[in-house]
C-alpha cells in the first residue's frame, strides 16, 4: 500500500503562512531544495487544496529553468499526477491534473490502496482533514529559522496522533528537517 505523506515548510512557531498569507520567509535555499527534490522523487500523486495548487502552478512553466535544482523539481512535478480539491475553482490549467469538488476520505484510502507510488498531501487545511481521518502515514516538517507570530497553522487543532521520529537533519541555513511516522 502506498503511503500518504504530508510535507510542509513552516516557521519555528508552526505556521506555513504568516498572518498576511506571506511565506517568503520559508523559501528554501539550494541545499534544502535539493534535499526536498530527493524526498519528492518517489511521489506519484500530489493531493492539493485550492490555495496550494494555485501556488504550485508556477512549476508547470519551469521545466527549462537555468537552475538545475529548480528544473529537476519542475520536471518531477510536471510528470506527477495531481488532484485538486476545490468547490471554488472553475477548472485546472496544469498537466495530469484532476479537479475534485470535495475531499472524500474513503476515496483517498482506496487511492492509497491502489497506487503503485506514494502520495503527497499539501496544504495545511487539507492535510489537517486527512490527519483527522487517519489517512496520513508520515509527517515531514521543515522548520524554518523564523518566528512569524500567527497565520496558517501547519498542524490542525483538536487532532491527536502518536508520532515516531524516523529521521532528522540540520541544514546550514538553520532549517531543521523532521520526519515522523504517524501511529
N, C-alpha and C. Protein backbone atom coordinates (compact mmCIF):
# COMPACT_ATOMS: atom_id res chain seq x y z
N UNK A 1 0.85 -1.18 0.00
CA UNK A 1 0.00 0.00 0.00
C UNK A 1 0.89 1.24 0.00
N UNK A 2 0.50 2.20 -0.78
CA UNK A 2 1.23 3.47 -0.85
C UNK A 2 1.03 4.26 0.44
N UNK A 3 2.01 5.09 0.76
CA UNK A 3 1.90 5.98 1.92
C UNK A 3 1.35 7.33 1.47
N UNK A 4 0.61 7.96 2.37
CA UNK A 4 0.19 9.34 2.20
C UNK A 4 1.08 10.19 3.10
N UNK A 5 1.82 11.12 2.50
CA UNK A 5 2.84 11.88 3.20
C UNK A 5 2.47 13.36 3.19
N UNK A 6 2.49 13.96 4.36
CA UNK A 6 2.28 15.40 4.49
C UNK A 6 3.63 16.06 4.70
N UNK A 7 4.04 16.92 3.78
CA UNK A 7 5.29 17.66 3.89
C UNK A 7 4.95 19.14 3.92
N UNK A 8 5.59 19.86 4.86
CA UNK A 8 5.35 21.29 4.96
C UNK A 8 6.61 22.00 5.41
N UNK A 9 6.81 23.19 4.88
CA UNK A 9 7.81 24.10 5.38
C UNK A 9 7.06 25.06 6.30
N UNK A 10 7.51 25.15 7.55
CA UNK A 10 6.79 26.01 8.48
C UNK A 10 7.78 26.78 9.35
N UNK A 11 7.27 27.81 9.96
CA UNK A 11 8.07 28.61 10.90
C UNK A 11 8.30 27.80 12.17
N UNK A 12 9.25 28.23 12.95
CA UNK A 12 9.53 27.56 14.21
C UNK A 12 8.30 27.55 15.12
N UNK A 13 7.44 28.56 15.01
CA UNK A 13 6.23 28.60 15.81
C UNK A 13 5.04 27.91 15.13
N UNK A 14 5.31 27.19 14.02
CA UNK A 14 4.32 26.27 13.48
C UNK A 14 3.37 26.78 12.42
N UNK A 15 3.76 27.78 11.65
CA UNK A 15 2.87 28.34 10.63
C UNK A 15 3.45 28.14 9.23
N UNK A 16 2.58 27.80 8.28
CA UNK A 16 3.01 27.65 6.88
C UNK A 16 2.92 28.97 6.13
N UNK A 17 2.12 29.87 6.64
CA UNK A 17 1.99 31.22 6.08
C UNK A 17 1.77 32.16 7.26
N UNK A 18 2.25 33.39 7.12
CA UNK A 18 2.07 34.35 8.21
C UNK A 18 0.65 34.93 8.19
N UNK A 19 0.37 35.84 9.09
CA UNK A 19 -0.98 36.40 9.23
C UNK A 19 -1.46 37.13 7.96
N UNK A 20 -0.53 37.60 7.13
CA UNK A 20 -0.87 38.26 5.87
C UNK A 20 -0.91 37.29 4.69
N UNK A 21 -0.70 36.00 4.94
CA UNK A 21 -0.68 35.00 3.88
C UNK A 21 0.69 34.84 3.23
N UNK A 22 1.68 35.57 3.71
CA UNK A 22 3.01 35.51 3.13
C UNK A 22 3.81 34.32 3.61
N UNK A 23 4.69 33.86 2.76
CA UNK A 23 5.58 32.75 3.13
C UNK A 23 6.97 32.91 2.52
N UNK A 24 7.34 34.16 2.21
CA UNK A 24 8.66 34.41 1.63
C UNK A 24 9.77 34.00 2.59
N UNK A 25 9.53 34.03 3.88
CA UNK A 25 10.48 33.61 4.89
C UNK A 25 10.76 32.10 4.82
N UNK A 26 9.94 31.36 4.10
CA UNK A 26 10.06 29.90 4.02
C UNK A 26 10.76 29.43 2.75
N UNK A 27 11.16 30.33 1.88
CA UNK A 27 11.79 29.93 0.61
C UNK A 27 13.05 29.11 0.89
N UNK A 28 13.12 27.89 0.38
CA UNK A 28 14.28 27.06 0.66
C UNK A 28 15.50 27.51 -0.13
N UNK A 29 16.67 27.40 0.50
CA UNK A 29 17.90 27.65 -0.25
C UNK A 29 18.19 26.43 -1.11
N UNK A 30 19.26 26.49 -1.88
CA UNK A 30 19.55 25.41 -2.83
C UNK A 30 19.80 24.07 -2.12
N UNK A 31 20.46 24.09 -0.97
CA UNK A 31 20.73 22.86 -0.24
C UNK A 31 19.43 22.19 0.21
N UNK A 32 18.53 22.97 0.79
CA UNK A 32 17.25 22.43 1.23
C UNK A 32 16.42 22.00 0.03
N UNK A 33 16.41 22.80 -1.02
CA UNK A 33 15.62 22.48 -2.22
C UNK A 33 16.07 21.15 -2.83
N UNK A 34 17.37 20.93 -2.92
CA UNK A 34 17.88 19.67 -3.48
C UNK A 34 17.47 18.49 -2.61
N UNK A 35 17.47 18.67 -1.28
CA UNK A 35 17.04 17.63 -0.36
C UNK A 35 15.55 17.33 -0.56
N UNK A 36 14.75 18.38 -0.68
CA UNK A 36 13.31 18.21 -0.93
C UNK A 36 13.11 17.44 -2.24
N UNK A 37 13.85 17.79 -3.28
CA UNK A 37 13.74 17.08 -4.55
C UNK A 37 13.92 15.58 -4.35
N UNK A 38 14.95 15.19 -3.60
CA UNK A 38 15.19 13.77 -3.39
C UNK A 38 14.06 13.11 -2.61
N UNK A 39 13.47 13.83 -1.66
CA UNK A 39 12.33 13.29 -0.93
C UNK A 39 11.11 13.13 -1.82
N UNK A 40 10.90 14.07 -2.72
CA UNK A 40 9.70 14.09 -3.55
C UNK A 40 9.80 13.16 -4.77
N UNK A 41 10.99 12.74 -5.11
CA UNK A 41 11.19 11.92 -6.32
C UNK A 41 10.26 10.71 -6.39
N UNK A 42 10.03 9.97 -5.29
CA UNK A 42 9.14 8.80 -5.39
C UNK A 42 7.64 9.11 -5.41
N UNK A 43 7.26 10.38 -5.26
CA UNK A 43 5.84 10.74 -5.21
C UNK A 43 5.23 10.61 -6.61
N UNK A 44 4.12 9.89 -6.69
CA UNK A 44 3.44 9.72 -7.97
C UNK A 44 2.22 10.62 -8.11
N UNK A 45 1.64 11.02 -6.97
CA UNK A 45 0.42 11.83 -7.00
C UNK A 45 0.46 12.86 -5.87
N UNK A 46 0.12 14.10 -6.24
CA UNK A 46 0.01 15.18 -5.26
C UNK A 46 -1.47 15.49 -5.05
N UNK A 47 -1.87 15.59 -3.79
CA UNK A 47 -3.23 15.99 -3.43
C UNK A 47 -3.13 17.39 -2.85
N UNK A 48 -3.86 18.33 -3.46
CA UNK A 48 -3.77 19.74 -3.08
C UNK A 48 -5.13 20.33 -2.77
N UNK A 49 -5.13 21.28 -1.87
CA UNK A 49 -6.25 22.19 -1.73
C UNK A 49 -6.07 23.31 -2.76
N UNK A 50 -7.08 24.14 -2.91
CA UNK A 50 -7.06 25.18 -3.94
C UNK A 50 -5.89 26.15 -3.79
N UNK A 51 -5.68 26.67 -2.59
CA UNK A 51 -4.64 27.69 -2.42
C UNK A 51 -3.25 27.15 -2.74
N UNK A 52 -2.93 25.95 -2.26
CA UNK A 52 -1.61 25.42 -2.56
C UNK A 52 -1.48 25.10 -4.05
N UNK A 53 -2.53 24.58 -4.66
CA UNK A 53 -2.48 24.34 -6.10
C UNK A 53 -2.19 25.64 -6.85
N UNK A 54 -2.86 26.70 -6.48
CA UNK A 54 -2.63 27.97 -7.17
C UNK A 54 -1.19 28.45 -6.98
N UNK A 55 -0.59 28.15 -5.85
CA UNK A 55 0.82 28.49 -5.62
C UNK A 55 1.73 27.58 -6.45
N UNK A 56 1.42 26.31 -6.51
CA UNK A 56 2.29 25.33 -7.17
C UNK A 56 2.19 25.36 -8.69
N UNK A 57 1.16 25.95 -9.25
CA UNK A 57 1.01 26.00 -10.72
C UNK A 57 2.22 26.56 -11.44
N UNK A 58 2.99 27.40 -10.79
CA UNK A 58 4.16 28.01 -11.41
C UNK A 58 5.15 26.95 -11.91
N UNK A 59 5.17 25.78 -11.27
CA UNK A 59 6.10 24.72 -11.68
C UNK A 59 5.79 24.19 -13.07
N UNK A 60 4.59 24.42 -13.56
CA UNK A 60 4.22 23.98 -14.91
C UNK A 60 5.12 24.62 -15.96
N UNK A 61 5.61 25.82 -15.71
CA UNK A 61 6.39 26.56 -16.71
C UNK A 61 7.88 26.65 -16.40
N UNK A 62 8.37 25.87 -15.45
CA UNK A 62 9.77 26.00 -15.05
C UNK A 62 10.64 24.82 -15.48
N UNK A 63 10.15 23.99 -16.41
CA UNK A 63 10.90 22.82 -16.85
C UNK A 63 12.17 23.13 -17.62
N UNK A 64 12.33 24.35 -18.09
CA UNK A 64 13.55 24.72 -18.79
C UNK A 64 14.34 25.77 -17.99
N UNK A 65 14.12 25.84 -16.70
CA UNK A 65 14.79 26.82 -15.85
C UNK A 65 16.30 26.60 -15.87
N UNK A 66 17.06 27.68 -15.77
CA UNK A 66 18.52 27.59 -15.82
C UNK A 66 19.12 26.94 -14.57
N UNK A 67 18.45 27.03 -13.42
CA UNK A 67 18.95 26.41 -12.20
C UNK A 67 18.58 24.92 -12.23
N UNK A 68 19.57 24.02 -12.17
CA UNK A 68 19.27 22.59 -12.28
C UNK A 68 18.40 22.04 -11.15
N UNK A 69 18.49 22.62 -9.96
CA UNK A 69 17.67 22.16 -8.84
C UNK A 69 16.20 22.54 -9.08
N UNK A 70 15.96 23.74 -9.54
CA UNK A 70 14.61 24.19 -9.87
C UNK A 70 14.06 23.37 -11.03
N UNK A 71 14.86 23.20 -12.06
CA UNK A 71 14.43 22.42 -13.23
C UNK A 71 14.08 20.98 -12.84
N UNK A 72 14.91 20.37 -11.98
CA UNK A 72 14.67 19.00 -11.53
C UNK A 72 13.31 18.87 -10.86
N UNK A 73 13.00 19.80 -9.93
CA UNK A 73 11.71 19.73 -9.25
C UNK A 73 10.57 19.96 -10.24
N UNK A 74 10.73 20.94 -11.12
CA UNK A 74 9.67 21.25 -12.09
C UNK A 74 9.34 20.03 -12.95
N UNK A 75 10.35 19.34 -13.42
CA UNK A 75 10.11 18.17 -14.27
C UNK A 75 9.45 17.04 -13.50
N UNK A 76 9.85 16.84 -12.25
CA UNK A 76 9.19 15.83 -11.41
C UNK A 76 7.73 16.20 -11.20
N UNK A 77 7.50 17.47 -10.86
CA UNK A 77 6.15 17.93 -10.58
C UNK A 77 5.26 17.80 -11.81
N UNK A 78 5.78 18.17 -12.95
CA UNK A 78 5.00 18.11 -14.19
C UNK A 78 4.60 16.68 -14.53
N UNK A 79 5.47 15.71 -14.24
CA UNK A 79 5.19 14.32 -14.63
C UNK A 79 4.30 13.60 -13.62
N UNK A 80 4.11 14.16 -12.44
CA UNK A 80 3.27 13.53 -11.42
C UNK A 80 1.79 13.80 -11.69
N UNK A 81 0.95 12.93 -11.17
CA UNK A 81 -0.48 13.17 -11.17
C UNK A 81 -0.79 14.19 -10.08
N UNK A 82 -1.81 15.00 -10.30
CA UNK A 82 -2.21 15.99 -9.32
C UNK A 82 -3.73 15.95 -9.20
N UNK A 83 -4.20 15.95 -7.96
CA UNK A 83 -5.64 16.02 -7.69
C UNK A 83 -5.86 17.26 -6.84
N UNK A 84 -6.74 18.13 -7.30
CA UNK A 84 -7.04 19.37 -6.59
C UNK A 84 -8.45 19.28 -6.04
N UNK A 85 -8.59 19.55 -4.74
CA UNK A 85 -9.89 19.52 -4.08
C UNK A 85 -10.36 20.95 -3.89
N UNK A 86 -11.40 21.31 -4.63
CA UNK A 86 -11.91 22.66 -4.53
C UNK A 86 -13.33 22.74 -5.07
N UNK A 87 -14.20 23.38 -4.31
CA UNK A 87 -15.54 23.67 -4.79
C UNK A 87 -15.57 25.00 -5.52
N UNK A 88 -14.50 25.81 -5.36
CA UNK A 88 -14.47 27.17 -5.92
C UNK A 88 -13.83 27.27 -7.29
N UNK A 89 -12.87 26.41 -7.60
CA UNK A 89 -12.18 26.51 -8.89
C UNK A 89 -13.11 26.14 -10.04
N UNK A 90 -12.99 26.88 -11.14
CA UNK A 90 -13.75 26.53 -12.34
C UNK A 90 -13.10 25.40 -13.11
N UNK A 91 -11.78 25.29 -13.02
CA UNK A 91 -11.05 24.26 -13.72
C UNK A 91 -9.58 24.30 -13.34
N UNK A 92 -8.80 23.41 -13.93
CA UNK A 92 -7.36 23.34 -13.67
C UNK A 92 -6.61 23.62 -14.96
N UNK A 93 -5.37 24.11 -14.82
CA UNK A 93 -4.62 24.53 -16.00
C UNK A 93 -3.26 23.85 -16.13
N UNK A 94 -3.04 22.77 -15.38
CA UNK A 94 -1.77 22.08 -15.44
C UNK A 94 -1.96 20.65 -15.93
N UNK A 95 -0.87 20.08 -16.43
CA UNK A 95 -0.93 18.73 -16.99
C UNK A 95 -1.20 17.70 -15.90
N UNK A 96 -1.82 16.61 -16.30
CA UNK A 96 -2.07 15.47 -15.41
C UNK A 96 -2.75 15.89 -14.11
N UNK A 97 -3.74 16.77 -14.22
CA UNK A 97 -4.41 17.31 -13.04
C UNK A 97 -5.92 17.06 -13.13
N UNK A 98 -6.46 16.57 -12.02
CA UNK A 98 -7.89 16.30 -11.91
C UNK A 98 -8.47 17.20 -10.83
N UNK A 99 -9.65 17.73 -11.07
CA UNK A 99 -10.35 18.55 -10.10
C UNK A 99 -11.45 17.73 -9.44
N UNK A 100 -11.41 17.68 -8.12
CA UNK A 100 -12.46 17.03 -7.34
C UNK A 100 -13.14 18.10 -6.50
N UNK A 101 -14.44 18.06 -6.42
CA UNK A 101 -15.19 19.08 -5.70
C UNK A 101 -15.12 18.94 -4.19
N UNK A 102 -14.88 17.73 -3.68
CA UNK A 102 -14.79 17.54 -2.23
C UNK A 102 -13.80 16.43 -1.92
N UNK A 103 -13.24 16.50 -0.73
CA UNK A 103 -12.29 15.51 -0.25
C UNK A 103 -13.07 14.38 0.40
N UNK A 104 -12.96 13.21 -0.18
CA UNK A 104 -13.68 12.04 0.34
C UNK A 104 -12.66 11.06 0.92
N UNK A 105 -12.59 10.91 2.25
CA UNK A 105 -11.60 10.03 2.86
C UNK A 105 -11.62 8.60 2.33
N UNK A 106 -12.80 8.05 2.04
CA UNK A 106 -12.84 6.68 1.53
C UNK A 106 -12.21 6.58 0.15
N UNK A 107 -12.38 7.61 -0.67
CA UNK A 107 -11.77 7.61 -2.00
C UNK A 107 -10.25 7.72 -1.90
N UNK A 108 -9.77 8.53 -0.95
CA UNK A 108 -8.32 8.66 -0.76
C UNK A 108 -7.74 7.37 -0.21
N UNK A 109 -8.44 6.72 0.70
CA UNK A 109 -7.99 5.43 1.21
C UNK A 109 -7.90 4.41 0.07
N UNK A 110 -8.88 4.42 -0.81
CA UNK A 110 -8.84 3.50 -1.96
C UNK A 110 -7.67 3.84 -2.89
N UNK A 111 -7.41 5.12 -3.08
CA UNK A 111 -6.28 5.55 -3.91
C UNK A 111 -4.96 5.07 -3.31
N UNK A 112 -4.81 5.18 -1.99
CA UNK A 112 -3.61 4.67 -1.32
C UNK A 112 -3.46 3.17 -1.57
N UNK A 113 -4.56 2.46 -1.53
CA UNK A 113 -4.53 1.01 -1.71
C UNK A 113 -4.22 0.57 -3.12
N UNK A 114 -4.51 1.41 -4.08
CA UNK A 114 -4.32 1.01 -5.48
C UNK A 114 -3.11 1.66 -6.14
N UNK A 115 -2.48 2.62 -5.49
CA UNK A 115 -1.38 3.35 -6.10
C UNK A 115 -0.08 2.56 -6.03
N UNK A 116 0.68 2.64 -7.11
CA UNK A 116 1.99 2.00 -7.15
C UNK A 116 3.09 2.88 -6.60
N UNK A 117 2.78 4.10 -6.23
CA UNK A 117 3.78 5.01 -5.67
C UNK A 117 3.13 5.85 -4.58
N UNK A 118 3.98 6.42 -3.73
CA UNK A 118 3.48 7.21 -2.61
C UNK A 118 2.76 8.46 -3.09
N UNK A 119 1.90 8.96 -2.20
CA UNK A 119 1.12 10.17 -2.46
C UNK A 119 1.54 11.26 -1.48
N UNK A 120 1.47 12.49 -1.91
CA UNK A 120 1.78 13.64 -1.07
C UNK A 120 0.52 14.47 -0.92
N UNK A 121 0.25 14.91 0.30
CA UNK A 121 -0.89 15.80 0.52
C UNK A 121 -0.34 17.14 0.97
N UNK A 122 -0.81 18.19 0.33
CA UNK A 122 -0.28 19.51 0.61
C UNK A 122 -1.37 20.53 0.85
N UNK A 123 -1.01 21.48 1.65
CA UNK A 123 -1.96 22.49 2.11
C UNK A 123 -2.35 22.11 3.52
N UNK A 124 -2.12 23.00 4.46
CA UNK A 124 -2.34 22.68 5.86
C UNK A 124 -3.79 22.29 6.16
N UNK A 125 -4.74 22.95 5.54
CA UNK A 125 -6.15 22.65 5.81
C UNK A 125 -6.50 21.25 5.31
N UNK A 126 -6.15 20.94 4.07
CA UNK A 126 -6.44 19.62 3.50
C UNK A 126 -5.69 18.53 4.28
N UNK A 127 -4.43 18.77 4.58
CA UNK A 127 -3.66 17.79 5.34
C UNK A 127 -4.26 17.57 6.73
N UNK A 128 -4.78 18.64 7.33
CA UNK A 128 -5.44 18.50 8.63
C UNK A 128 -6.66 17.60 8.57
N UNK A 129 -7.41 17.71 7.49
CA UNK A 129 -8.58 16.84 7.31
C UNK A 129 -8.13 15.39 7.18
N UNK A 130 -7.07 15.18 6.40
CA UNK A 130 -6.54 13.82 6.21
C UNK A 130 -5.96 13.26 7.50
N UNK A 131 -5.27 14.10 8.28
CA UNK A 131 -4.76 13.65 9.59
C UNK A 131 -5.90 13.25 10.51
N UNK A 132 -6.93 14.07 10.55
CA UNK A 132 -8.09 13.77 11.40
C UNK A 132 -8.77 12.47 10.97
N UNK A 133 -8.75 12.17 9.67
CA UNK A 133 -9.37 10.96 9.16
C UNK A 133 -8.48 9.73 9.29
N UNK A 134 -7.26 9.92 9.80
CA UNK A 134 -6.35 8.79 9.98
C UNK A 134 -5.70 8.30 8.70
N UNK A 135 -5.62 9.15 7.70
CA UNK A 135 -5.08 8.75 6.39
C UNK A 135 -3.58 9.02 6.21
N UNK A 136 -3.02 9.93 7.00
CA UNK A 136 -1.63 10.34 6.81
C UNK A 136 -0.71 9.33 7.50
N UNK A 137 0.27 8.84 6.74
CA UNK A 137 1.23 7.86 7.25
C UNK A 137 2.52 8.49 7.75
N UNK A 138 2.91 9.61 7.14
CA UNK A 138 4.13 10.30 7.54
C UNK A 138 3.90 11.80 7.54
N UNK A 139 4.57 12.47 8.48
CA UNK A 139 4.59 13.93 8.51
C UNK A 139 6.06 14.33 8.39
N UNK A 140 6.34 15.18 7.41
CA UNK A 140 7.69 15.69 7.18
C UNK A 140 7.64 17.20 7.30
N UNK A 141 8.31 17.72 8.31
CA UNK A 141 8.31 19.16 8.53
C UNK A 141 9.70 19.73 8.34
N UNK A 142 9.75 20.83 7.65
CA UNK A 142 10.97 21.63 7.53
C UNK A 142 10.73 22.88 8.36
N UNK A 143 11.42 22.98 9.48
CA UNK A 143 11.26 24.13 10.36
C UNK A 143 12.21 25.23 9.93
N UNK A 144 11.65 26.32 9.46
CA UNK A 144 12.43 27.46 9.00
C UNK A 144 12.90 28.26 10.21
N UNK A 145 14.03 28.90 10.06
CA UNK A 145 14.58 29.71 11.14
C UNK A 145 13.88 31.06 11.18
N UNK A 146 12.59 31.02 11.53
CA UNK A 146 11.76 32.22 11.59
C UNK A 146 10.62 32.00 12.57
N UNK A 147 10.24 33.05 13.24
CA UNK A 147 9.04 33.08 14.08
C UNK A 147 8.15 34.15 13.47
N UNK A 148 6.91 33.77 13.09
CA UNK A 148 6.05 34.71 12.37
C UNK A 148 4.86 35.18 13.20
N UNK A 149 4.58 34.55 14.33
CA UNK A 149 3.60 35.07 15.27
C UNK A 149 2.14 34.82 14.96
N UNK A 150 1.84 34.09 13.91
CA UNK A 150 0.44 33.79 13.59
C UNK A 150 0.27 33.56 12.11
N UNK A 151 -0.88 33.02 11.74
CA UNK A 151 -1.16 32.75 10.34
C UNK A 151 -1.85 31.40 10.17
N UNK A 152 -1.43 30.65 9.16
CA UNK A 152 -1.99 29.33 8.87
C UNK A 152 -1.15 28.28 9.58
N UNK A 153 -1.79 27.58 10.50
CA UNK A 153 -1.07 26.56 11.28
C UNK A 153 -0.72 25.36 10.40
N UNK A 154 0.49 24.82 10.58
CA UNK A 154 0.94 23.66 9.82
C UNK A 154 0.19 22.40 10.24
N UNK A 155 -0.16 22.32 11.52
CA UNK A 155 -0.85 21.14 12.05
C UNK A 155 -2.16 21.59 12.68
N UNK A 156 -3.19 20.78 12.54
CA UNK A 156 -4.52 21.20 13.00
C UNK A 156 -4.68 21.12 14.51
N UNK A 157 -5.58 21.94 15.01
CA UNK A 157 -6.02 21.84 16.40
C UNK A 157 -6.95 20.63 16.52
N UNK A 158 -7.10 20.14 17.73
CA UNK A 158 -8.07 19.10 18.06
C UNK A 158 -7.82 17.77 17.36
N UNK A 159 -6.60 17.52 16.91
CA UNK A 159 -6.23 16.22 16.34
C UNK A 159 -5.05 15.71 17.15
N UNK A 160 -5.20 14.50 17.68
CA UNK A 160 -4.11 13.88 18.45
C UNK A 160 -3.64 12.64 17.72
N UNK A 161 -2.34 12.53 17.53
CA UNK A 161 -1.74 11.36 16.91
C UNK A 161 -0.40 11.10 17.58
N UNK A 162 -0.09 9.85 17.80
CA UNK A 162 1.23 9.48 18.31
C UNK A 162 2.17 9.43 17.11
N UNK A 163 3.35 10.03 17.29
CA UNK A 163 4.34 10.09 16.22
C UNK A 163 5.62 9.40 16.66
N UNK A 164 6.31 8.81 15.69
CA UNK A 164 7.61 8.20 15.93
C UNK A 164 8.62 8.89 15.04
N UNK A 165 9.67 9.45 15.62
CA UNK A 165 10.70 10.12 14.84
C UNK A 165 11.46 9.11 14.01
N UNK A 166 11.50 9.34 12.69
CA UNK A 166 12.20 8.44 11.76
C UNK A 166 13.51 9.02 11.27
N UNK A 167 13.58 10.36 11.16
CA UNK A 167 14.77 10.97 10.59
C UNK A 167 14.80 12.44 11.00
N UNK A 168 15.99 13.00 10.98
CA UNK A 168 16.16 14.42 11.25
C UNK A 168 17.42 14.87 10.53
N UNK A 169 17.45 16.15 10.20
CA UNK A 169 18.62 16.72 9.55
C UNK A 169 18.65 18.22 9.78
N UNK A 170 19.82 18.74 9.94
CA UNK A 170 20.03 20.17 10.12
C UNK A 170 20.77 20.71 8.91
N UNK A 171 20.32 21.88 8.41
CA UNK A 171 20.92 22.50 7.23
C UNK A 171 21.68 23.75 7.62
N UNK A 172 22.61 24.15 6.76
CA UNK A 172 23.46 25.31 7.01
C UNK A 172 22.63 26.59 7.23
N UNK A 173 21.48 26.68 6.59
CA UNK A 173 20.62 27.87 6.68
C UNK A 173 19.89 27.98 8.01
N UNK A 174 19.96 26.93 8.84
CA UNK A 174 19.23 26.91 10.09
C UNK A 174 17.94 26.13 10.01
N UNK A 175 17.56 25.69 8.82
CA UNK A 175 16.36 24.87 8.64
C UNK A 175 16.63 23.49 9.26
N UNK A 176 15.62 22.95 9.92
CA UNK A 176 15.71 21.62 10.51
C UNK A 176 14.60 20.77 9.90
N UNK A 177 14.98 19.57 9.45
CA UNK A 177 14.03 18.62 8.85
C UNK A 177 13.70 17.56 9.89
N UNK A 178 12.41 17.28 10.06
CA UNK A 178 11.94 16.24 10.96
C UNK A 178 10.97 15.34 10.21
N UNK A 179 11.19 14.04 10.29
CA UNK A 179 10.32 13.07 9.61
C UNK A 179 9.74 12.12 10.65
N UNK A 180 8.41 12.03 10.68
CA UNK A 180 7.71 11.21 11.66
C UNK A 180 6.79 10.21 10.98
N UNK A 181 6.70 9.01 11.56
CA UNK A 181 5.64 8.06 11.21
C UNK A 181 4.45 8.38 12.09
N UNK A 182 3.27 8.29 11.52
CA UNK A 182 2.04 8.53 12.28
C UNK A 182 1.49 7.17 12.70
N UNK A 183 1.31 6.99 14.01
CA UNK A 183 0.80 5.71 14.53
C UNK A 183 -0.67 5.56 14.19
